[in-house]
Amino acid sequence: MNTGKILAIDDEQFIRRLIRNEFSLEGFDVITARSGEEGISLLDKDCFDLVLLDIKLPKMDGIETLRRIKETSPDTEVIMITGFGDINSAVDCIKLGAADYVTKPFKLDELLALASQVIKRRQLQKETRQKGIEPKKPESSEFIHCPSKPMKQVYEIVSKVAPTNSTVLIQGETGVGKDVLARQIHLNSARKNHSFLTLDCGLLSRNLAESELYGHRKGAFSGASETKTGLVEKSDQGTLFLDEIGNIELELQKKFLRFLETRRFRRLGDTKETQVDTRIILATNMDLYDAMKKGEIRKDLLYRMDVISIRIPPLRERPEDIPVLANHFLTIHPDKISGMKLMDETLEILGQYVWPGNIRELKSVINKILILSDSLEIGPRDLPTHFLSRGNMPSARPKSLEELEKAHIISVLEETGGNQSRAADILGINRKTLYKKIHKHRIFK
């Protein structure tokens, strides 16, 4: 029996009721809220292991609600519930700290299994912290050589720049693996036995960003109750990876430029400068030259950052890499059963998908498949629902009348944007019958 406390935030009563009923049957303690504001109020009064959060909410939307949750209760896990057209936003939510997302309409079993896994992982992390065990660091197995020509060009640049001390700027869309490539550069440098530290510049206010980078003396500002060592100092002799560098505020840019040029800095509240030997790797999903034209990035800082630039192409521009990456994620997954493999038809469908969330989304899909599949051969029917509902399955048809009915209901719900009254009219049945069929097929909408 599952344990864990769940908060479900959705403005649709049907979904709130369905989550409460189905998850309670599985042993979860479930409370629901009809808005982001109501959900935040409940979080202020109680502790939850997991929040199931709809991305489209009235007034305060799911993205803003997620930000508020992570500010007030950073350890609470969040799974986003989104429509197919909002996958880009869902992937952005992963960047903001969401554990995962599911697309509507989806299999209820999928959400139950995903929620169980996320809560189990959270409880394990909690136990690990209580025992004083250091969390496991990312392994180099995250990196894999892809066969496409664009990626071969990337690896060629990496082989030349990694042994140097040059500042490197990695550009690419969210989810292409900029952080993984940065770590690979570090592991192939003379600094590989020293620290590799990361700071996401997009998630911090100016004061926090400056304090995280350079540290501060006790009493430097309100709340600075003790002296803190910043990341530039902690990464001395090693590498500091600054993600989303395009979001650094203008007031900080002049100070950061001087640090890039001299590797000298001053803690907040301090009078003396400190010298470090730190290699800097930067990453962004922005067009920095466009940002410069808009006055958001200083020209002198941009030219100093853009010494050696590496662009990682999005996954849609290199479909030949998809089977290699999918099989890699399958192989390294801790829940993989010996002998489990992706069928050719499944790889064909994955290769036809546009992957708005890039490699991060592909990894998430493989994770979901492994949670739900009971077969050693992973077929098209093991893919998340939106692969079925968008006509991504040319060589895989439902095998029974029941599967045909389910697939058709999903397709109509997708077409009507989840409007059950319109879907019932199109299907030629009343809404009560549609509700029963949704429940029977465990279609969550």
Protein backbone atom coordinates (compact mmCIF):
# COMPACT_ATOMS: atom_id res chain seq x y z
CA MET A 1 0.00 0.00 0.00
CA ASN A 2 1.27 3.48 -0.90
CA THR A 3 1.87 6.20 1.67
CA GLY A 4 2.27 9.89 1.12
CA LYS A 5 0.28 13.11 1.25
CA ILE A 6 -0.81 14.62 -2.06
CA LEU A 7 -2.30 18.01 -2.95
CA ALA A 8 -4.15 18.11 -6.29
CA ILE A 9 -4.67 21.61 -7.73
CA ASP A 10 -7.10 21.78 -10.67
CA ASP A 11 -10.01 24.06 -11.52
CA GLU A 12 -12.09 21.18 -12.94
CA GLN A 13 -14.24 19.46 -10.32
CA PHE A 14 -14.29 16.20 -12.31
CA ILE A 15 -10.49 15.91 -12.20
CA ARG A 16 -10.26 16.81 -8.52
CA ARG A 17 -12.87 14.19 -7.65
CA LEU A 18 -11.25 11.54 -9.84
CA ILE A 19 -7.78 12.12 -8.36
CA ARG A 20 -9.12 12.08 -4.81
CA ASN A 21 -11.13 8.87 -5.34
CA GLU A 22 -8.55 6.88 -7.34
CA PHE A 23 -5.47 7.92 -5.37
CA SER A 24 -7.24 7.35 -2.04
CA LEU A 25 -8.00 3.77 -3.13
CA GLU A 26 -4.22 3.32 -3.62
CA GLY A 27 -3.52 4.41 -0.04
CA PHE A 28 -2.59 8.07 -0.61
CA ASP A 29 -3.87 10.88 1.60
CA VAL A 30 -5.32 13.36 -0.92
CA ILE A 31 -6.50 16.95 -0.50
CA THR A 32 -7.71 19.03 -3.45
CA ALA A 33 -7.75 22.74 -4.33
CA ARG A 34 -9.57 24.53 -7.14
CA SER A 35 -7.00 27.32 -7.67
CA GLY A 36 -3.35 28.14 -7.24
CA GLU A 37 -4.17 30.62 -4.49
CA GLU A 38 -6.14 27.99 -2.54
CA GLY A 39 -3.32 25.47 -3.04
CA ILE A 40 -0.66 27.88 -1.72
CA SER A 41 -2.87 28.59 1.30
CA LEU A 42 -3.08 24.84 2.04
CA LEU A 43 0.69 24.48 1.66
CA ASP A 44 1.21 27.27 4.21
CA LYS A 45 -0.80 25.26 6.76
CA ASP A 46 0.29 21.69 6.03
CA CYS A 47 3.14 19.58 4.56
CA PHE A 48 2.70 17.58 1.35
CA ASP A 49 4.97 15.05 -0.33
CA LEU A 50 3.62 15.81 -3.81
CA VAL A 51 1.53 18.39 -5.63
CA LEU A 52 -0.34 17.47 -8.83
CA LEU A 53 -0.65 20.83 -10.55
CA ASP A 54 -2.64 21.80 -13.64
CA ILE A 55 -0.69 24.26 -15.78
CA LYS A 56 -3.83 26.16 -16.87
CA LEU A 57 -5.51 27.74 -13.87
CA PRO A 58 -7.58 30.95 -13.55
CA LYS A 59 -5.85 34.05 -12.19
CA MET A 60 -2.55 32.59 -10.88
CA ASP A 61 -1.53 29.99 -13.48
CA GLY A 62 0.32 26.73 -12.85
CA ILE A 63 3.77 28.18 -13.63
CA GLU A 64 3.41 30.99 -11.09
CA THR A 65 1.92 28.53 -8.59
CA LEU A 66 4.96 26.27 -9.10
CA ARG A 67 7.30 29.20 -8.41
CA ARG A 68 5.43 29.97 -5.20
CA ILE A 69 5.50 26.33 -4.10
CA LYS A 70 9.27 26.10 -4.64
CA GLU A 71 9.80 29.34 -2.71
CA THR A 72 7.72 28.30 0.31
CA SER A 73 8.27 24.52 0.27
CA PRO A 74 11.29 23.65 -1.92
CA ASP A 75 11.33 19.96 -0.90
CA THR A 76 7.74 19.34 -2.01
CA GLU A 77 7.71 17.53 -5.36
CA VAL A 78 5.44 18.74 -8.17
CA ILE A 79 4.07 16.92 -11.21
CA MET A 80 2.56 19.23 -13.85
CA ILE A 81 -0.62 18.30 -15.72
CA THR A 82 -0.73 19.91 -19.15
CA GLY A 83 -2.37 19.84 -22.55
CA PHE A 84 -0.35 18.66 -25.55
CA GLY A 85 0.03 22.21 -26.84
CA ASP A 86 1.62 23.33 -23.56
CA ILE A 87 4.52 20.85 -23.53
CA ASN A 88 7.05 23.66 -23.99
CA SER A 89 5.68 25.30 -20.84
CA ALA A 90 5.77 21.95 -19.04
CA VAL A 91 9.43 21.51 -19.93
CA ASP A 92 10.11 25.02 -18.61
CA CYS A 93 8.42 23.89 -15.38
CA ILE A 94 10.99 21.08 -15.09
CA LYS A 95 13.63 23.81 -15.19
CA LEU A 96 11.80 25.59 -12.36
CA GLY A 97 11.91 22.47 -10.21
CA ALA A 98 8.94 20.29 -11.22
CA ALA A 99 9.70 16.58 -10.97
CA ASP A 100 7.88 15.63 -14.18
CA TYR A 101 4.74 16.25 -16.24
CA VAL A 102 1.93 14.32 -17.91
CA THR A 103 -0.16 15.44 -20.88
CA LYS A 104 -3.96 15.40 -21.10
CA PRO A 105 -5.69 13.11 -21.79
CA PHE A 106 -3.51 10.51 -20.10
CA LYS A 107 -3.71 7.09 -18.51
CA LEU A 108 -4.57 7.20 -14.85
CA ASP A 109 -2.19 4.28 -14.28
CA GLU A 110 0.58 6.47 -15.69
CA LEU A 111 -0.06 9.25 -13.17
CA LEU A 112 -0.42 6.81 -10.27
CA ALA A 113 2.85 5.06 -11.12
CA LEU A 114 4.70 8.34 -11.66
CA ALA A 115 3.39 9.78 -8.39
CA SER A 116 4.42 6.64 -6.50
CA GLN A 117 7.93 6.82 -7.93
CA VAL A 118 8.35 10.54 -7.14
CA ILE A 119 7.12 10.12 -3.55
CA LYS A 120 9.31 7.05 -3.04
CA ARG A 121 12.35 9.00 -4.30
CA ARG A 122 11.50 11.96 -2.03
CA GLN A 123 11.19 9.73 1.02
CA LEU A 124 14.49 8.02 0.18
CA GLN A 125 16.24 11.39 -0.15
CA LYS A 126 14.76 12.46 3.19
CA GLU A 127 16.06 9.31 4.90
CA THR A 128 19.48 9.80 3.29
CA ARG A 129 19.72 13.37 4.60
CA GLN A 130 18.64 12.29 8.09
CA LYS A 131 21.41 9.67 8.13
CA GLY A 132 23.97 12.28 7.03
CA ILE A 133 24.80 10.46 3.78
CA GLU A 134 26.09 12.64 0.92
CA PRO A 135 23.78 12.58 -2.13
CA LYS A 136 25.15 10.71 -5.09
CA LYS A 137 26.83 12.94 -7.66
CA PRO A 138 25.89 12.74 -11.35
CA GLU A 139 27.81 10.06 -13.19
CA SER A 140 29.68 10.56 -16.43
CA SER A 141 27.32 7.92 -17.91
CA GLU A 142 24.92 10.83 -18.54
CA PHE A 143 27.11 11.68 -21.52
CA ILE A 144 26.87 9.65 -24.71
CA HIS A 145 28.37 10.16 -28.15
CA CYS A 146 25.64 10.67 -30.73
CA PRO A 147 26.19 9.66 -34.39
CA SER A 148 24.73 12.71 -36.16
CA LYS A 149 27.02 15.02 -38.12
CA PRO A 150 26.07 18.16 -36.10
CA MET A 151 27.01 16.42 -32.85
CA LYS A 152 30.29 15.12 -34.28
CA GLN A 153 31.18 18.75 -34.95
CA VAL A 154 30.33 19.57 -31.33
CA TYR A 155 32.58 16.77 -30.04
CA GLU A 156 35.42 17.98 -32.25
CA ILE A 157 35.26 21.44 -30.66
CA VAL A 158 35.04 19.90 -27.18
CA SER A 159 38.16 17.78 -27.77
CA LYS A 160 40.11 20.93 -28.65
CA VAL A 161 38.80 23.27 -25.96
CA ALA A 162 38.51 20.89 -22.97
CA PRO A 163 42.28 20.73 -22.17
CA THR A 164 42.56 24.55 -22.18
CA ASN A 165 41.50 27.09 -19.57
CA SER A 166 39.36 29.08 -22.01
CA THR A 167 35.93 30.34 -21.09
CA VAL A 168 33.31 28.37 -23.04
CA LEU A 169 29.79 29.49 -23.97
CA ILE A 170 27.33 26.65 -24.68
CA GLN A 171 24.17 27.65 -26.54
CA GLY A 172 21.04 25.65 -27.20
CA GLU A 173 17.37 25.22 -26.40
CA THR A 174 16.16 24.06 -23.00
CA GLY A 175 16.69 20.34 -22.55
CA VAL A 176 19.45 19.73 -25.13
CA GLY A 177 21.99 18.78 -22.47
CA LYS A 178 24.10 21.91 -22.00
CA ASP A 179 24.85 20.93 -18.40
CA VAL A 180 25.93 17.42 -19.44
CA LEU A 181 28.30 18.83 -22.08
CA ALA A 182 29.73 21.30 -19.57
CA ARG A 183 30.52 18.46 -17.17
CA GLN A 184 32.10 16.50 -20.03
CA ILE A 185 34.40 19.44 -20.79
CA HIS A 186 35.40 19.50 -17.12
CA LEU A 187 36.04 15.73 -17.03
CA ASN A 188 38.34 16.03 -20.05
CA SER A 189 40.38 18.84 -18.57
CA ALA A 190 43.33 18.97 -16.17
CA ARG A 191 40.81 20.11 -13.52
CA LYS A 192 38.83 16.85 -13.55
CA ASN A 193 39.94 15.89 -10.03
CA HIS A 194 38.72 19.20 -8.61
CA SER A 195 35.21 20.53 -8.04
CA PHE A 196 32.56 21.08 -10.73
CA LEU A 197 29.95 23.49 -9.35
CA THR A 198 26.76 24.79 -10.94
CA LEU A 199 24.66 27.92 -10.53
CA ASP A 200 21.40 28.56 -12.40
CA CYS A 201 21.39 32.33 -12.89
CA GLY A 202 17.77 32.30 -14.02
CA LEU A 203 16.37 31.33 -10.63
CA LEU A 204 18.00 33.93 -8.38
CA SER A 205 17.36 37.54 -7.48
CA ARG A 206 20.23 40.03 -7.77
CA ASN A 207 21.22 39.84 -4.08
CA LEU A 208 21.03 36.06 -3.99
CA ALA A 209 22.97 35.69 -7.25
CA GLU A 210 25.76 37.97 -5.99
CA SER A 211 25.90 36.17 -2.65
CA GLU A 212 25.92 32.73 -4.30
CA LEU A 213 28.70 33.75 -6.69
CA TYR A 214 31.00 35.77 -4.45
CA GLY A 215 29.88 34.96 -0.91
CA HIS A 216 29.34 37.49 1.87
CA ARG A 217 30.61 38.52 5.27
CA LYS A 218 28.45 38.22 8.37
CA GLY A 219 26.13 41.22 8.60
CA ALA A 220 26.66 42.27 4.95
CA PHE A 221 22.89 42.53 4.49
CA SER A 222 19.69 41.70 6.35
CA GLY A 223 19.62 37.96 7.01
CA ALA A 224 23.38 37.43 6.61
CA SER A 225 23.81 35.82 10.03
CA GLU A 226 27.16 34.22 9.19
CA THR A 227 30.01 34.50 6.68
CA LYS A 228 29.44 32.51 3.49
CA THR A 229 31.94 31.26 0.89
CA GLY A 230 30.73 31.83 -2.68
CA LEU A 231 30.85 29.41 -5.59
CA VAL A 232 33.73 31.17 -7.37
CA GLU A 233 35.88 30.56 -4.30
CA LYS A 234 34.63 27.00 -3.76
CA SER A 235 35.47 26.15 -7.37
CA ASP A 236 39.09 27.34 -7.11
CA GLN A 237 41.27 24.94 -9.19
CA GLY A 238 38.06 23.48 -10.63
CA THR A 239 35.21 24.55 -12.92
CA LEU A 240 32.19 26.77 -12.33
CA PHE A 241 29.23 26.24 -14.67
CA LEU A 242 26.84 29.19 -14.88
CA ASP A 243 23.58 28.15 -16.52
CA GLU A 244 21.13 30.65 -18.08
CA ILE A 245 23.79 33.36 -17.98
CA GLY A 246 21.61 35.57 -20.19
CA ASN A 247 19.38 36.23 -17.18
CA ILE A 248 22.09 37.92 -15.12
CA GLU A 249 20.88 41.41 -14.18
CA LEU A 250 22.49 44.50 -15.70
CA GLU A 251 23.69 45.77 -12.31
CA LEU A 252 25.70 42.57 -11.82
CA GLN A 253 27.16 42.43 -15.32
CA LYS A 254 29.97 44.98 -14.81
CA LYS A 255 31.17 43.16 -11.69
CA PHE A 256 30.94 39.80 -13.45
CA LEU A 257 32.88 41.14 -16.45
CA ARG A 258 35.73 42.18 -14.17
CA PHE A 259 35.76 38.74 -12.57
CA LEU A 260 35.94 37.06 -16.01
CA GLU A 261 38.88 39.26 -16.97
CA THR A 262 40.87 39.04 -13.73
CA ARG A 263 39.48 36.09 -11.72
CA ARG A 264 39.45 38.49 -8.78
CA PHE A 265 36.35 39.17 -6.67
CA ARG A 266 35.22 40.75 -3.43
CA ARG A 267 32.72 39.16 -1.04
CA LEU A 268 29.66 41.24 -0.20
CA GLY A 269 30.54 43.39 2.79
CA ASP A 270 34.29 42.78 2.40
CA THR A 271 37.01 45.31 1.60
CA LYS A 272 39.72 43.04 0.22
CA GLU A 273 39.84 41.15 -3.06
CA THR A 274 40.51 37.43 -3.48
CA GLN A 275 42.18 35.76 -6.48
CA VAL A 276 41.02 32.34 -7.71
CA ASP A 277 42.00 29.93 -10.48
CA THR A 278 38.54 28.94 -11.67
CA ARG A 279 37.50 27.90 -15.15
CA ILE A 280 34.16 29.33 -16.28
CA ILE A 281 31.69 27.53 -18.54
CA LEU A 282 28.54 29.44 -19.44
CA ALA A 283 25.26 28.32 -20.98
CA THR A 284 22.15 30.01 -22.34
CA ASN A 285 19.04 29.28 -24.38
CA MET A 286 18.81 32.95 -25.38
CA ASP A 287 20.06 34.78 -28.47
CA LEU A 288 22.62 36.89 -26.62
CA TYR A 289 23.30 39.18 -29.58
CA ASP A 290 19.60 39.96 -29.80
CA ALA A 291 19.62 40.62 -26.03
CA MET A 292 22.57 42.96 -26.55
CA LYS A 293 20.63 44.93 -29.18
CA LYS A 294 17.77 45.27 -26.70
CA GLY A 295 20.14 46.60 -24.04
CA GLU A 296 19.76 43.53 -21.80
CA ILE A 297 23.39 42.39 -22.13
CA ARG A 298 26.46 44.65 -22.08
CA LYS A 299 28.43 44.55 -25.31
CA ASP A 300 31.81 44.22 -23.55
CA LEU A 301 30.49 41.34 -21.40
CA LEU A 302 29.08 39.49 -24.40
CA TYR A 303 32.37 39.69 -26.30
CA ARG A 304 34.22 38.46 -23.19
CA MET A 305 31.83 35.53 -22.74
CA ASP A 306 31.72 34.55 -26.40
CA VAL A 307 35.39 33.50 -26.67
CA ILE A 308 34.66 29.92 -27.71
CA SER A 309 31.03 29.15 -28.51
CA ILE A 310 29.44 25.70 -28.90
CA ARG A 311 25.89 25.34 -30.21
CA ILE A 312 24.03 22.12 -29.39
CA PRO A 313 21.34 21.59 -32.04
CA PRO A 314 17.81 20.66 -30.94
CA LEU A 315 16.79 17.01 -31.16
CA ARG A 316 14.39 17.66 -34.07
CA GLU A 317 17.41 18.62 -36.22
CA ARG A 318 19.14 15.29 -35.58
CA PRO A 319 16.54 12.47 -35.56
CA GLU A 320 19.27 9.85 -36.14
CA ASP A 321 20.39 10.45 -32.54
CA ILE A 322 16.99 9.57 -31.05
CA PRO A 323 17.30 5.72 -31.11
CA VAL A 324 20.81 5.94 -29.62
CA LEU A 325 19.70 8.24 -26.82
CA ALA A 326 16.49 6.29 -26.12
CA ASN A 327 18.37 3.00 -25.83
CA HIS A 328 21.00 4.69 -23.66
CA PHE A 329 18.39 5.98 -21.21
CA LEU A 330 16.77 2.55 -21.18
CA THR A 331 20.10 0.85 -20.45
CA ILE A 332 21.16 3.09 -17.56
CA HIS A 333 17.75 3.26 -15.85
CA PRO A 334 17.86 1.62 -12.40
CA ASP A 335 14.42 0.01 -12.88
CA LYS A 336 15.30 -1.63 -16.20
CA ILE A 337 14.55 -5.36 -16.36
CA SER A 338 17.18 -7.56 -18.02
CA GLY A 339 16.29 -8.22 -21.66
CA MET A 340 13.95 -5.22 -21.99
CA LYS A 341 14.20 -3.48 -25.36
CA LEU A 342 12.47 -0.88 -27.52
CA MET A 343 10.73 -2.35 -30.58
CA ASP A 344 11.60 -0.93 -34.01
CA GLU A 345 8.03 0.45 -34.36
CA THR A 346 8.45 2.32 -31.09
CA LEU A 347 11.78 3.82 -32.17
CA GLU A 348 10.16 4.83 -35.48
CA ILE A 349 7.45 6.77 -33.63
CA LEU A 350 9.97 8.40 -31.31
CA GLY A 351 11.97 9.43 -34.38
CA GLN A 352 8.93 11.16 -35.94
CA TYR A 353 8.09 13.22 -32.87
CA VAL A 354 9.31 16.87 -32.77
CA TRP A 355 10.55 16.81 -29.12
CA PRO A 356 9.87 20.39 -27.95
CA GLY A 357 11.55 19.47 -24.66
CA ASN A 358 14.53 17.89 -26.44
CA ILE A 359 16.65 15.26 -24.65
CA ARG A 360 15.16 16.07 -21.26
CA GLU A 361 11.71 15.20 -22.61
CA LEU A 362 12.98 11.99 -24.25
CA LYS A 363 14.53 10.89 -20.95
CA SER A 364 11.25 11.61 -19.19
CA VAL A 365 9.31 9.52 -21.74
CA ILE A 366 11.66 6.54 -21.30
CA ASN A 367 11.23 6.89 -17.54
CA LYS A 368 7.43 6.74 -17.88
CA ILE A 369 7.63 3.72 -20.20
CA LEU A 370 9.76 1.79 -17.71
CA ILE A 371 7.32 2.57 -14.91
CA LEU A 372 4.29 1.32 -16.83
CA SER A 373 5.44 -1.43 -19.19
CA ASP A 374 5.00 -5.06 -18.11
CA SER A 375 6.61 -6.43 -21.26
CA LEU A 376 10.23 -7.03 -22.21
CA GLU A 377 9.42 -5.70 -25.69
CA ILE A 378 8.36 -2.06 -25.39
CA GLY A 379 5.79 -1.44 -28.12
CA PRO A 380 3.95 1.65 -29.38
CA ARG A 381 1.12 1.07 -26.88
CA ASP A 382 3.57 1.61 -24.03
CA LEU A 383 4.17 5.21 -25.11
CA PRO A 384 2.45 8.13 -23.31
CA THR A 385 -1.05 8.92 -24.55
CA HIS A 386 -0.20 12.00 -26.62
CA PHE A 387 1.91 9.88 -28.98
CA LEU A 388 -1.26 7.94 -29.76
CA SER A 389 -3.63 10.89 -29.92
CA ARG A 390 -1.62 12.92 -32.43
CA GLY A 391 -1.38 10.33 -35.15
CA ASN A 392 2.21 9.42 -34.33
CA MET A 393 1.58 5.70 -34.73
CA PRO A 394 1.39 4.88 -38.46
CA SER A 395 2.47 1.26 -38.13
CA ALA A 396 0.73 0.39 -34.88
CA ARG A 397 -3.07 0.02 -34.84
CA PRO A 398 -5.24 -0.97 -31.86
CA LYS A 399 -5.74 -4.72 -31.78
CA SER A 400 -9.21 -4.97 -30.22
CA LEU A 401 -12.56 -3.16 -30.26
CA GLU A 402 -11.87 -1.99 -26.71
CA GLU A 403 -8.53 -0.47 -27.77
CA LEU A 404 -10.20 1.14 -30.79
CA GLU A 405 -12.88 2.66 -28.55
CA LYS A 406 -10.31 3.99 -26.11
CA ALA A 407 -8.13 5.44 -28.88
CA HIS A 408 -11.15 7.12 -30.48
CA ILE A 409 -12.34 8.66 -27.20
CA ILE A 410 -8.82 9.99 -26.53
CA SER A 411 -8.66 11.45 -30.03
CA VAL A 412 -12.03 13.20 -29.68
CA LEU A 413 -11.18 14.55 -26.23
CA GLU A 414 -7.93 15.90 -27.65
CA GLU A 415 -9.80 17.45 -30.58
CA THR A 416 -12.32 19.19 -28.27
CA GLY A 417 -9.70 20.35 -25.82
CA GLY A 418 -11.20 18.16 -23.10
CA ASN A 419 -14.75 19.54 -23.41
CA GLN A 420 -16.75 16.47 -22.43
CA SER A 421 -20.14 17.81 -23.60
CA ARG A 422 -18.82 18.45 -27.12
CA ALA A 423 -16.94 15.12 -27.10
CA ALA A 424 -20.13 13.27 -26.12
CA ASP A 425 -22.04 14.97 -28.96
CA ILE A 426 -19.37 13.96 -31.50
CA LEU A 427 -19.33 10.38 -30.17
CA GLY A 428 -23.14 10.20 -30.26
CA ILE A 429 -23.51 9.34 -26.57
CA ASN A 430 -24.66 11.25 -23.51
CA ARG A 431 -22.21 12.78 -21.05
CA LYS A 432 -22.99 10.21 -18.34
CA THR A 433 -22.05 7.36 -20.72
CA LEU A 434 -18.85 9.20 -21.71
CA TYR A 435 -17.95 9.62 -18.04
CA LYS A 436 -18.38 5.86 -17.50
CA LYS A 437 -16.19 5.08 -20.52
CA ILE A 438 -13.49 7.52 -19.36
CA HIS A 439 -13.52 5.79 -15.98
CA LYS A 440 -13.57 2.30 -17.55
CA HIS A 441 -10.57 3.02 -19.81
CA ARG A 442 -8.86 5.03 -17.06
CA ILE A 443 -8.52 8.05 -19.32
CA PHE A 444 -7.70 11.07 -17.18
CA LYS A 445 -9.17 14.26 -18.56
